[in-house]
C-alpha atoms as a PDB file:
ATOM      1  CA  UNK A   1      94.196 104.327  65.315  1.00  0.00           C
ATOM      2  CA  UNK A   2      97.596 105.440  66.573  1.00  0.00           C
ATOM      3  CA  UNK A   3      95.949 107.898  68.974  1.00  0.00           C
ATOM      4  CA  UNK A   4      93.717 105.138  70.336  1.00  0.00           C
ATOM      5  CA  UNK A   5      96.678 102.783  70.829  1.00  0.00           C
ATOM      6  CA  UNK A   6      98.718 105.516  72.496  1.00  0.00           C
ATOM      7  CA  UNK A   7      95.835 106.257  74.864  1.00  0.00           C
ATOM      8  CA  UNK A   8      95.514 102.541  75.587  1.00  0.00           C
ATOM      9  CA  UNK A   9      99.213 102.073  76.412  1.00  0.00           C
ATOM     10  CA  UNK A  10      99.343 105.281  78.448  1.00  0.00           C
ATOM     11  CA  UNK A  11      96.254 104.265  80.412  1.00  0.00           C
ATOM     12  CA  UNK A  12      97.646 100.818  81.177  1.00  0.00           C
ATOM     13  CA  UNK A  13     101.003 102.289  82.229  1.00  0.00           C
ATOM     14  CA  UNK A  14      99.497 104.903  84.525  1.00  0.00           C
ATOM     15  CA  UNK A  15      97.139 102.263  85.874  1.00  0.00           C
ATOM     16  CA  UNK A  16     100.109 100.053  86.691  1.00  0.00           C
ATOM     17  CA  UNK A  17     101.524 102.734  89.002  1.00  0.00           C
ATOM     18  CA  UNK A  18      98.155 102.922  90.775  1.00  0.00           C
ATOM     19  CA  UNK A  19      98.198  99.134  90.932  1.00  0.00           C
ATOM     20  CA  UNK A  20     101.632  99.106  92.570  1.00  0.00           C
ATOM     21  CA  UNK A  21     100.375 101.410  95.324  1.00  0.00           C
ATOM     22  CA  UNK A  22      97.276  99.214  95.605  1.00  0.00           C
ATOM     23  CA  UNK A  23      99.576  96.203  95.927  1.00  0.00           C
ATOM     24  CA  UNK A  24     101.351  97.984  98.794  1.00  0.00           C
ATOM     25  CA  UNK A  25      97.948  98.449 100.490  1.00  0.00           C
ATOM     26  CA  UNK A  26      97.145  94.770  99.983  1.00  0.00           C
ATOM     27  CA  UNK A  27     100.482  93.527 101.313  1.00  0.00           C
ATOM     28  CA  UNK A  28     100.102  95.264 104.670  1.00  0.00           C
ATOM     29  CA  UNK A  29      96.369  94.681 105.033  1.00  0.00           C
ATOM     30  CA  UNK A  30      96.619  90.954 104.403  1.00  0.00           C
ATOM     31  CA  UNK A  31      99.355  90.603 107.038  1.00  0.00           C
ATOM     32  CA  UNK A  32      98.112  92.893 109.807  1.00  0.00           C
ATOM     33  CA  UNK A  33      94.658  94.245 108.814  1.00  0.00           C
ATOM     34  CA  UNK A  34      96.100  97.773 108.710  1.00  0.00           C
ATOM     35  CA  UNK A  35      95.056 100.169 105.925  1.00  0.00           C
ATOM     36  CA  UNK A  36      98.185 102.220 105.363  1.00  0.00           C
ATOM     37  CA  UNK A  37      97.210 105.623 104.010  1.00  0.00           C
ATOM     38  CA  UNK A  38     100.861 106.675 104.125  1.00  0.00           C
ATOM     39  CA  UNK A  39     101.543 104.654 100.964  1.00  0.00           C
ATOM     40  CA  UNK A  40     101.253 107.756  98.809  1.00  0.00           C
ATOM     41  CA  UNK A  41     103.732 109.586 101.009  1.00  0.00           C
ATOM     42  CA  UNK A  42     106.119 106.627 100.843  1.00  0.00           C
ATOM     43  CA  UNK A  43     105.891 107.005  97.052  1.00  0.00           C
ATOM     44  CA  UNK A  44     106.897 110.643  97.567  1.00  0.00           C
ATOM     45  CA  UNK A  45     109.924 109.439  99.540  1.00  0.00           C
ATOM     46  CA  UNK A  46     110.924 107.220  96.604  1.00  0.00           C
ATOM     47  CA  UNK A  47     110.593 110.111  94.144  1.00  0.00           C
ATOM     48  CA  UNK A  48     112.433 112.485  96.477  1.00  0.00           C
ATOM     49  CA  UNK A  49     115.255 109.980  97.003  1.00  0.00           C
ATOM     50  CA  UNK A  50     115.598 109.692  93.231  1.00  0.00           C
ATOM     51  CA  UNK A  51     115.809 113.467  92.926  1.00  0.00           C
ATOM     52  CA  UNK A  52     118.303 113.752  95.765  1.00  0.00           C
ATOM     53  CA  UNK A  53     120.639 110.890  94.868  1.00  0.00           C
ATOM     54  CA  UNK A  54     119.986 109.642  91.315  1.00  0.00           C
ATOM     55  CA  UNK A  55     119.481 112.836  89.307  1.00  0.00           C
ATOM     56  CA  UNK A  56     121.511 115.343  91.317  1.00  0.00           C
ATOM     57  CA  UNK A  57     124.832 113.743  90.425  1.00  0.00           C
ATOM     58  CA  UNK A  58     125.847 113.791  94.096  1.00  0.00           C
ATOM     59  CA  UNK A  59     126.034 110.021  94.436  1.00  0.00           C
ATOM     60  CA  UNK A  60     127.032 107.021  92.367  1.00  0.00           C
ATOM     61  CA  UNK A  61     124.014 105.715  90.402  1.00  0.00           C
ATOM     62  CA  UNK A  62     124.079 102.398  92.275  1.00  0.00           C
ATOM     63  CA  UNK A  63     124.047 104.235  95.613  1.00  0.00           C
ATOM     64  CA  UNK A  64     121.227 106.395  94.314  1.00  0.00           C
ATOM     65  CA  UNK A  65     119.038 103.438  93.364  1.00  0.00           C
ATOM     66  CA  UNK A  66     119.734 101.798  96.717  1.00  0.00           C
ATOM     67  CA  UNK A  67     118.588 105.019  98.392  1.00  0.00           C
ATOM     68  CA  UNK A  68     115.346 104.883  96.388  1.00  0.00           C
ATOM     69  CA  UNK A  69     114.712 101.496  98.006  1.00  0.00           C
ATOM     70  CA  UNK A  70     116.147 102.190 101.464  1.00  0.00           C
ATOM     71  CA  UNK A  71     114.605 105.555 102.375  1.00  0.00           C
ATOM     72  CA  UNK A  72     110.986 104.405 101.893  1.00  0.00           C
ATOM     73  CA  UNK A  73     111.797 101.340 104.021  1.00  0.00           C
ATOM     74  CA  UNK A  74     113.115 103.531 106.855  1.00  0.00           C
ATOM     75  CA  UNK A  75     110.034 105.759 106.674  1.00  0.00           C
ATOM     76  CA  UNK A  76     107.699 102.755 106.473  1.00  0.00           C
ATOM     77  CA  UNK A  77     109.272 101.036 109.483  1.00  0.00           C
ATOM     78  CA  UNK A  78     108.916 104.227 111.518  1.00  0.00           C
ATOM     79  CA  UNK A  79     105.205 104.316 110.703  1.00  0.00           C
ATOM     80  CA  UNK A  80     104.972 100.622 111.555  1.00  0.00           C
ATOM     81  CA  UNK A  81     106.572 101.398 114.926  1.00  0.00           C
ATOM     82  CA  UNK A  82     103.856 103.996 115.532  1.00  0.00           C
ATOM     83  CA  UNK A  83     101.000 101.716 114.530  1.00  0.00           C
ATOM     84  CA  UNK A  84     102.250  98.477 116.135  1.00  0.00           C
ATOM     85  CA  UNK A  85     100.758  99.177 119.621  1.00  0.00           C
ATOM     86  CA  UNK A  86      97.298  99.549 118.053  1.00  0.00           C
ATOM     87  CA  UNK A  87      97.748  96.290 116.140  1.00  0.00           C
ATOM     88  CA  UNK A  88      98.798  94.422 119.294  1.00  0.00           C
ATOM     89  CA  UNK A  89      95.795  95.728 121.217  1.00  0.00           C
ATOM     90  CA  UNK A  90      93.489  94.903 118.289  1.00  0.00           C
ATOM     91  CA  UNK A  91      92.236  98.466 118.343  1.00  0.00           C
ATOM     92  CA  UNK A  92      89.509  99.551 115.880  1.00  0.00           C
ATOM     93  CA  UNK A  93      90.806  99.870 112.339  1.00  0.00           C
ATOM     94  CA  UNK A  94      90.175 103.625 112.346  1.00  0.00           C
ATOM     95  CA  UNK A  95      93.013 103.987 114.878  1.00  0.00           C
ATOM     96  CA  UNK A  96      95.598 102.562 112.500  1.00  0.00           C
ATOM     97  CA  UNK A  97      94.179 104.584 109.601  1.00  0.00           C
ATOM     98  CA  UNK A  98      94.610 107.830 111.532  1.00  0.00           C
ATOM     99  CA  UNK A  99      98.109 106.859 112.707  1.00  0.00           C
ATOM    100  CA  UNK A 100      99.279 106.071 109.180  1.00  0.00           C
ATOM    101  CA  UNK A 101      97.755 109.304 107.894  1.00  0.00           C
ATOM    102  CA  UNK A 102      99.520 111.224 110.660  1.00  0.00           C
ATOM    103  CA  UNK A 103     102.823 109.511 109.900  1.00  0.00           C
ATOM    104  CA  UNK A 104     102.388 110.347 106.223  1.00  0.00           C
ATOM    105  CA  UNK A 105     101.732 114.004 107.043  1.00  0.00           C
ATOM    106  CA  UNK A 106     104.968 114.131 109.036  1.00  0.00           C
ATOM    107  CA  UNK A 107     106.825 112.751 106.005  1.00  0.00           C
ATOM    108  CA  UNK A 108     105.167 115.335 103.748  1.00  0.00           C
ATOM    109  CA  UNK A 109     106.079 118.092 106.177  1.00  0.00           C
ATOM    110  CA  UNK A 110     109.753 117.122 106.407  1.00  0.00           C
ATOM    111  CA  UNK A 111     110.168 116.808 102.632  1.00  0.00           C
ATOM    112  CA  UNK A 112     108.146 119.993 102.151  1.00  0.00           C
ATOM    113  CA  UNK A 113     110.383 121.935 104.507  1.00  0.00           C
ATOM    114  CA  UNK A 114     113.476 120.722 102.652  1.00  0.00           C
ATOM    115  CA  UNK A 115     112.023 121.530  99.208  1.00  0.00           C
ATOM    116  CA  UNK A 116     109.905 124.536 100.227  1.00  0.00           C
ATOM    117  CA  UNK A 117     106.945 122.555  98.841  1.00  0.00           C
ATOM    118  CA  UNK A 118     108.153 123.281  95.332  1.00  0.00           C
ATOM    119  CA  UNK A 119     108.939 121.064  92.362  1.00  0.00           C
ATOM    120  CA  UNK A 120     111.962 118.802  92.787  1.00  0.00           C
ATOM    121  CA  UNK A 121     113.864 117.535  89.791  1.00  0.00           C
ATOM    122  CA  UNK A 122     113.383 113.979  88.563  1.00  0.00           C
ATOM    123  CA  UNK A 123     114.509 112.873  85.131  1.00  0.00           C
ATOM    124  CA  UNK A 124     113.829 110.042  82.739  1.00  0.00           C
ATOM    125  CA  UNK A 125     116.296 107.427  83.867  1.00  0.00           C
ATOM    126  CA  UNK A 126     115.403 105.264  80.858  1.00  0.00           C
ATOM    127  CA  UNK A 127     115.868 108.114  78.382  1.00  0.00           C
ATOM    128  CA  UNK A 128     113.430 110.106  76.266  1.00  0.00           C
ATOM    129  CA  UNK A 129     113.904 108.539  72.842  1.00  0.00           C
ATOM    130  CA  UNK A 130     110.544 106.946  71.924  1.00  0.00           C
ATOM    131  CA  UNK A 131     110.305 103.209  71.442  1.00  0.00           C
ATOM    132  CA  UNK A 132     108.693 102.042  68.202  1.00  0.00           C
ATOM    133  CA  UNK A 133     106.196  99.226  68.712  1.00  0.00           C
ATOM    134  CA  UNK A 134     104.814  97.284  65.782  1.00  0.00           C
ATOM    135  CA  UNK A 135     106.098  99.877  63.371  1.00  0.00           C
ATOM    136  CA  UNK A 136     103.202 102.256  64.123  1.00  0.00           C
ATOM    137  CA  UNK A 137     103.234 103.243  67.789  1.00  0.00           C
ATOM    138  CA  UNK A 138     105.858 105.328  69.554  1.00  0.00           C
ATOM    139  CA  UNK A 139     105.828 105.282  73.365  1.00  0.00           C
ATOM    140  CA  UNK A 140     108.052 106.723  76.053  1.00  0.00           C
ATOM    141  CA  UNK A 141     110.609 104.317  77.549  1.00  0.00           C
ATOM    142  CA  UNK A 142     109.249 105.385  80.954  1.00  0.00           C
ATOM    143  CA  UNK A 143     105.875 103.851  80.146  1.00  0.00           C
ATOM    144  CA  UNK A 144     107.525 100.669  78.905  1.00  0.00           C
ATOM    145  CA  UNK A 145     109.595 100.489  82.104  1.00  0.00           C
ATOM    146  CA  UNK A 146     106.446 100.876  84.219  1.00  0.00           C
ATOM    147  CA  UNK A 147     104.809  97.944  82.427  1.00  0.00           C
ATOM    148  CA  UNK A 148     107.844  95.694  82.821  1.00  0.00           C
ATOM    149  CA  UNK A 149     108.523  96.597  86.474  1.00  0.00           C
ATOM    150  CA  UNK A 150     104.860  96.206  87.469  1.00  0.00           C
ATOM    151  CA  UNK A 151     104.622  92.780  85.828  1.00  0.00           C
ATOM    152  CA  UNK A 152     107.876  91.659  87.469  1.00  0.00           C
ATOM    153  CA  UNK A 153     106.973  92.931  90.953  1.00  0.00           C
ATOM    154  CA  UNK A 154     103.447  91.505  90.835  1.00  0.00           C
ATOM    155  CA  UNK A 155     104.637  88.092  89.726  1.00  0.00           C
ATOM    156  CA  UNK A 156     107.502  88.082  92.225  1.00  0.00           C
ATOM    157  CA  UNK A 157     105.182  89.009  95.100  1.00  0.00           C
ATOM    158  CA  UNK A 158     102.646  86.333  94.120  1.00  0.00           C
ATOM    159  CA  UNK A 159     105.385  83.696  93.957  1.00  0.00           C
ATOM    160  CA  UNK A 160     106.747  84.895  97.291  1.00  0.00           C
ATOM    161  CA  UNK A 161     103.368  84.567  99.006  1.00  0.00           C
ATOM    162  CA  UNK A 162     102.427  81.223  97.507  1.00  0.00           C
ATOM    163  CA  UNK A 163     105.680  79.371  96.904  1.00  0.00           C
ATOM    164  CA  UNK A 164     107.918  80.215  99.866  1.00  0.00           C
ATOM    165  CA  UNK A 165     107.731  79.268 103.531  1.00  0.00           C
ATOM    166  CA  UNK A 166     108.142  82.916 104.512  1.00  0.00           C
ATOM    167  CA  UNK A 167     105.262  83.972 102.301  1.00  0.00           C
ATOM    168  CA  UNK A 168     102.994  81.246 103.644  1.00  0.00           C
ATOM    169  CA  UNK A 169     103.862  82.384 107.177  1.00  0.00           C
ATOM    170  CA  UNK A 170     102.817  85.926 106.271  1.00  0.00           C
ATOM    171  CA  UNK A 171      99.511  84.645 104.936  1.00  0.00           C
ATOM    172  CA  UNK A 172      98.957  82.694 108.146  1.00  0.00           C
ATOM    173  CA  UNK A 173      99.710  85.838 110.141  1.00  0.00           C
ATOM    174  CA  UNK A 174      97.015  87.709 108.272  1.00  0.00           C
ATOM    175  CA  UNK A 175      94.433  84.973 108.758  1.00  0.00           C
ATOM    176  CA  UNK A 176      94.960  84.544 112.509  1.00  0.00           C
ATOM    177  CA  UNK A 177      97.821  86.324 114.256  1.00  0.00           C
ATOM    178  CA  UNK A 178      97.252  84.549 117.582  1.00  0.00           C
ATOM    179  CA  UNK A 179      97.370  81.108 116.013  1.00  0.00           C
ATOM    180  CA  UNK A 180     100.437  82.067 113.975  1.00  0.00           C
ATOM    181  CA  UNK A 181     102.170  83.144 117.186  1.00  0.00           C
ATOM    182  CA  UNK A 182     101.339  79.814 118.841  1.00  0.00           C
ATOM    183  CA  UNK A 183     103.099  77.878 116.078  1.00  0.00           C
ATOM    184  CA  UNK A 184     106.278  79.918 116.492  1.00  0.00           C
ATOM    185  CA  UNK A 185     105.868  82.800 114.040  1.00  0.00           C
ATOM    186  CA  UNK A 186     107.366  86.017 115.396  1.00  0.00           C
ATOM    187  CA  UNK A 187     104.467  88.311 114.524  1.00  0.00           C
ATOM    188  CA  UNK A 188     106.287  91.608 115.072  1.00  0.00           C
ATOM    189  CA  UNK A 189     109.249  90.602 112.908  1.00  0.00           C
ATOM    190  CA  UNK A 190     107.012  89.356 110.124  1.00  0.00           C
ATOM    191  CA  UNK A 191     104.910  92.498 110.180  1.00  0.00           C
ATOM    192  CA  UNK A 192     108.092  94.574 109.932  1.00  0.00           C
ATOM    193  CA  UNK A 193     109.091  92.508 106.917  1.00  0.00           C
ATOM    194  CA  UNK A 194     105.714  93.179 105.331  1.00  0.00           C
ATOM    195  CA  UNK A 195     106.022  96.906 105.938  1.00  0.00           C
ATOM    196  CA  UNK A 196     109.520  96.913 104.464  1.00  0.00           C
ATOM    197  CA  UNK A 197     108.452  95.116 101.274  1.00  0.00           C
ATOM    198  CA  UNK A 198     105.334  97.267 100.950  1.00  0.00           C
ATOM    199  CA  UNK A 199     107.398 100.443 101.377  1.00  0.00           C
ATOM    200  CA  UNK A 200     109.784  99.326  98.636  1.00  0.00           C
ATOM    201  CA  UNK A 201     106.832  98.812  96.275  1.00  0.00           C
ATOM    202  CA  UNK A 202     105.467 102.283  97.089  1.00  0.00           C
ATOM    203  CA  UNK A 203     108.909 103.850  96.685  1.00  0.00           C
ATOM    204  CA  UNK A 204     109.390 102.222  93.276  1.00  0.00           C
ATOM    205  CA  UNK A 205     105.934 103.429  92.217  1.00  0.00           C
ATOM    206  CA  UNK A 206     106.876 106.989  93.186  1.00  0.00           C
ATOM    207  CA  UNK A 207     110.199 106.721  91.386  1.00  0.00           C
ATOM    208  CA  UNK A 208     108.485 105.523  88.196  1.00  0.00           C
ATOM    209  CA  UNK A 209     105.590 107.972  88.153  1.00  0.00           C
ATOM    210  CA  UNK A 210     107.462 111.120  89.245  1.00  0.00           C
ATOM    211  CA  UNK A 211     108.779 112.130  85.790  1.00  0.00           C
ATOM    212  CA  UNK A 212     105.266 111.857  84.349  1.00  0.00           C
ATOM    213  CA  UNK A 213     103.645 114.268  86.813  1.00  0.00           C
ATOM    214  CA  UNK A 214     104.769 117.324  88.780  1.00  0.00           C
ATOM    215  CA  UNK A 215     106.713 115.803  91.700  1.00  0.00           C
ATOM    216  CA  UNK A 216     106.341 117.771  94.912  1.00  0.00           C
ATOM    217  CA  UNK A 217     105.970 116.847  98.562  1.00  0.00           C
ATOM    218  CA  UNK A 218     102.191 116.962  98.042  1.00  0.00           C
ATOM    219  CA  UNK A 219     102.036 114.520  95.126  1.00  0.00           C
ATOM    220  CA  UNK A 220     101.217 111.641  97.474  1.00  0.00           C
ATOM    221  CA  UNK A 221      97.511 112.475  97.891  1.00  0.00           C
ATOM    222  CA  UNK A 222      96.312 111.647  94.354  1.00  0.00           C
ATOM    223  CA  UNK A 223      98.677 108.677  94.288  1.00  0.00           C
ATOM    224  CA  UNK A 224      97.305 107.169  97.509  1.00  0.00           C
ATOM    225  CA  UNK A 225      93.672 107.877  96.569  1.00  0.00           C
ATOM    226  CA  UNK A 226      94.027 106.171  93.195  1.00  0.00           C
ATOM    227  CA  UNK A 227      96.044 103.333  94.733  1.00  0.00           C
ATOM    228  CA  UNK A 228      93.405 102.691  97.386  1.00  0.00           C
ATOM    229  CA  UNK A 229      90.598 102.785  94.816  1.00  0.00           C
ATOM    230  CA  UNK A 230      92.582 100.347  92.654  1.00  0.00           C
ATOM    231  CA  UNK A 231      92.873  97.942  95.583  1.00  0.00           C
ATOM    232  CA  UNK A 232      89.146  98.223  96.345  1.00  0.00           C
ATOM    233  CA  UNK A 233      88.082  97.738  92.722  1.00  0.00           C
ATOM    234  CA  UNK A 234      90.392  94.775  92.202  1.00  0.00           C
ATOM    235  CA  UNK A 235      89.939  93.284  95.653  1.00  0.00           C
ATOM    236  CA  UNK A 236      92.193  93.168  98.702  1.00  0.00           C
ATOM    237  CA  UNK A 237      92.372  89.387  98.765  1.00  0.00           C
ATOM    238  CA  UNK A 238      94.933  88.758  96.028  1.00  0.00           C
ATOM    239  CA  UNK A 239      98.226  90.500  95.157  1.00  0.00           C
ATOM    240  CA  UNK A 240      97.376  90.628  91.432  1.00  0.00           C
ATOM    241  CA  UNK A 241      93.880  92.023  92.005  1.00  0.00           C
ATOM    242  CA  UNK A 242      95.173  95.488  92.938  1.00  0.00           C
ATOM    243  CA  UNK A 243      97.114  95.702  89.669  1.00  0.00           C
ATOM    244  CA  UNK A 244      93.977  94.670  87.777  1.00  0.00           C
ATOM    245  CA  UNK A 245      92.034  97.415  89.541  1.00  0.00           C
ATOM    246  CA  UNK A 246      94.799  99.916  88.809  1.00  0.00           C
ATOM    247  CA  UNK A 247      94.789  99.126  85.090  1.00  0.00           C
ATOM    248  CA  UNK A 248      90.999  99.513  84.926  1.00  0.00           C
ATOM    249  CA  UNK A 249      91.331 102.816  86.763  1.00  0.00           C
ATOM    250  CA  UNK A 250      94.109 104.069  84.492  1.00  0.00           C
ATOM    251  CA  UNK A 251      92.166 103.177  81.350  1.00  0.00           C
ATOM    252  CA  UNK A 252      89.029 104.910  82.608  1.00  0.00           C
ATOM    253  CA  UNK A 253      90.902 108.110  83.419  1.00  0.00           C
ATOM    254  CA  UNK A 254      92.975 108.150  80.240  1.00  0.00           C
ATOM    255  CA  UNK A 255      90.145 107.420  77.787  1.00  0.00           C
ATOM    256  CA  UNK A 256      87.781 109.853  79.493  1.00  0.00           C
ATOM    257  CA  UNK A 257      90.512 112.495  79.380  1.00  0.00           C
ATOM    258  CA  UNK A 258      91.293 111.783  75.709  1.00  0.00           C
ATOM    259  CA  UNK A 259      87.758 111.558  74.337  1.00  0.00           C
ATOM    260  CA  UNK A 260      85.464 113.415  76.765  1.00  0.00           C
ATOM    261  CA  UNK A 261      86.957 116.006  79.123  1.00  0.00           C
ATOM    262  CA  UNK A 262      90.464 116.092  80.574  1.00  0.00           C
ATOM    263  CA  UNK A 263      89.601 118.210  83.596  1.00  0.00           C
ATOM    264  CA  UNK A 264      86.844 115.855  84.736  1.00  0.00           C
ATOM    265  CA  UNK A 265      88.625 112.559  84.105  1.00  0.00           C
ATOM    266  CA  UNK A 266      89.189 111.757  87.775  1.00  0.00           C
ATOM    267  CA  UNK A 267      85.466 112.144  88.520  1.00  0.00           C
ATOM    268  CA  UNK A 268      84.521 109.143  86.384  1.00  0.00           C
ATOM    269  CA  UNK A 269      86.340 106.904  88.858  1.00  0.00           C
ATOM    270  CA  UNK A 270      83.920 107.416  91.731  1.00  0.00           C
ATOM    271  CA  UNK A 271      80.710 106.202  90.041  1.00  0.00           C
ATOM    272  CA  UNK A 272      82.614 103.066  89.007  1.00  0.00           C
ATOM    273  CA  UNK A 273      83.861 102.653  92.586  1.00  0.00           C
ATOM    274  CA  UNK A 274      80.311 102.958  93.936  1.00  0.00           C
ATOM    275  CA  UNK A 275      79.033 100.349  91.472  1.00  0.00           C
ATOM    276  CA  UNK A 276      81.778  97.935  92.531  1.00  0.00           C
ATOM    277  CA  UNK A 277      81.104  98.530  96.233  1.00  0.00           C
ATOM    278  CA  UNK A 278      77.363  97.941  95.786  1.00  0.00           C
ATOM    279  CA  UNK A 279      77.425  94.937  93.458  1.00  0.00           C
ATOM    280  CA  UNK A 280      80.864  93.416  94.082  1.00  0.00           C
ATOM    281  CA  UNK A 281      81.946  94.538  97.579  1.00  0.00           C
ATOM    282  CA  UNK A 282      84.882  92.093  97.662  1.00  0.00           C
ATOM    283  CA  UNK A 283      86.225  93.514  94.404  1.00  0.00           C
ATOM    284  CA  UNK A 284      86.184  92.339  90.814  1.00  0.00           C
ATOM    285  CA  UNK A 285      88.200  89.226  91.626  1.00  0.00           C
ATOM    286  CA  UNK A 286      85.694  88.481  94.374  1.00  0.00           C
ATOM    287  CA  UNK A 287      88.195  86.603  96.535  1.00  0.00           C
ATOM    288  CA  UNK A 288      88.217  86.183 100.281  1.00  0.00           C
ATOM    289  CA  UNK A 289      91.091  87.795 102.111  1.00  0.00           C
ATOM    290  CA  UNK A 290      94.124  85.556 102.222  1.00  0.00           C
END
């Protein structure tokens, strides 16, 4: 029973990190119809910033955490600057996909050159002493932190979109950018804001997941693939849908790895993705884009 519960909690926690990256996809897509495949590389920036400033002892912890937030924003805004001309011209979506992938590769290259594409140190900022839940289950504080941070970010982003004037303006921008511009919304500024918030989410996801995997400059590929699949399974139309898709994804991978075959766990995702695309193309939540 304990093994089952541990697998369940681990799957949900790992799924939450995929969901955060999926949420970053959703945030940008709903505002500018851009699919940002650099999200995984922005997660790498967050993990690398943590290694460079939080765990190296070279900076005050507060400065280090600010760097974890700031560096992904800088990288994300640079990619936004590259993709903005395509958005303005309403170029085919493949253009923006290729631009974001190219921008992500540049990020990977720069970090790879600095680290020689080798492992960079990230620690457990929340400690390693297991937390005892219900008197029977011991889990890592890192997993608990992932659950709490994902719930807080998801709720905060939903409230931002639905309960603030700025969030409603971003939704209007995604529905019809030309109409939003006519009513006085500065489309470029609002898209930059979306990219900044999305980059922060990706950076936090990288910071949280890095101690649980082998953090290198190349860790962004599996992160972005799983994040994109999470967004597709859950549905791009709602900020909480991506997290739902991520949790489903994490549970599938973790239970398949625990009870069937660890080396083939990732493969089980793709049949599920195909089923969703065929029978529920708008995602499990089945919502229109908003």
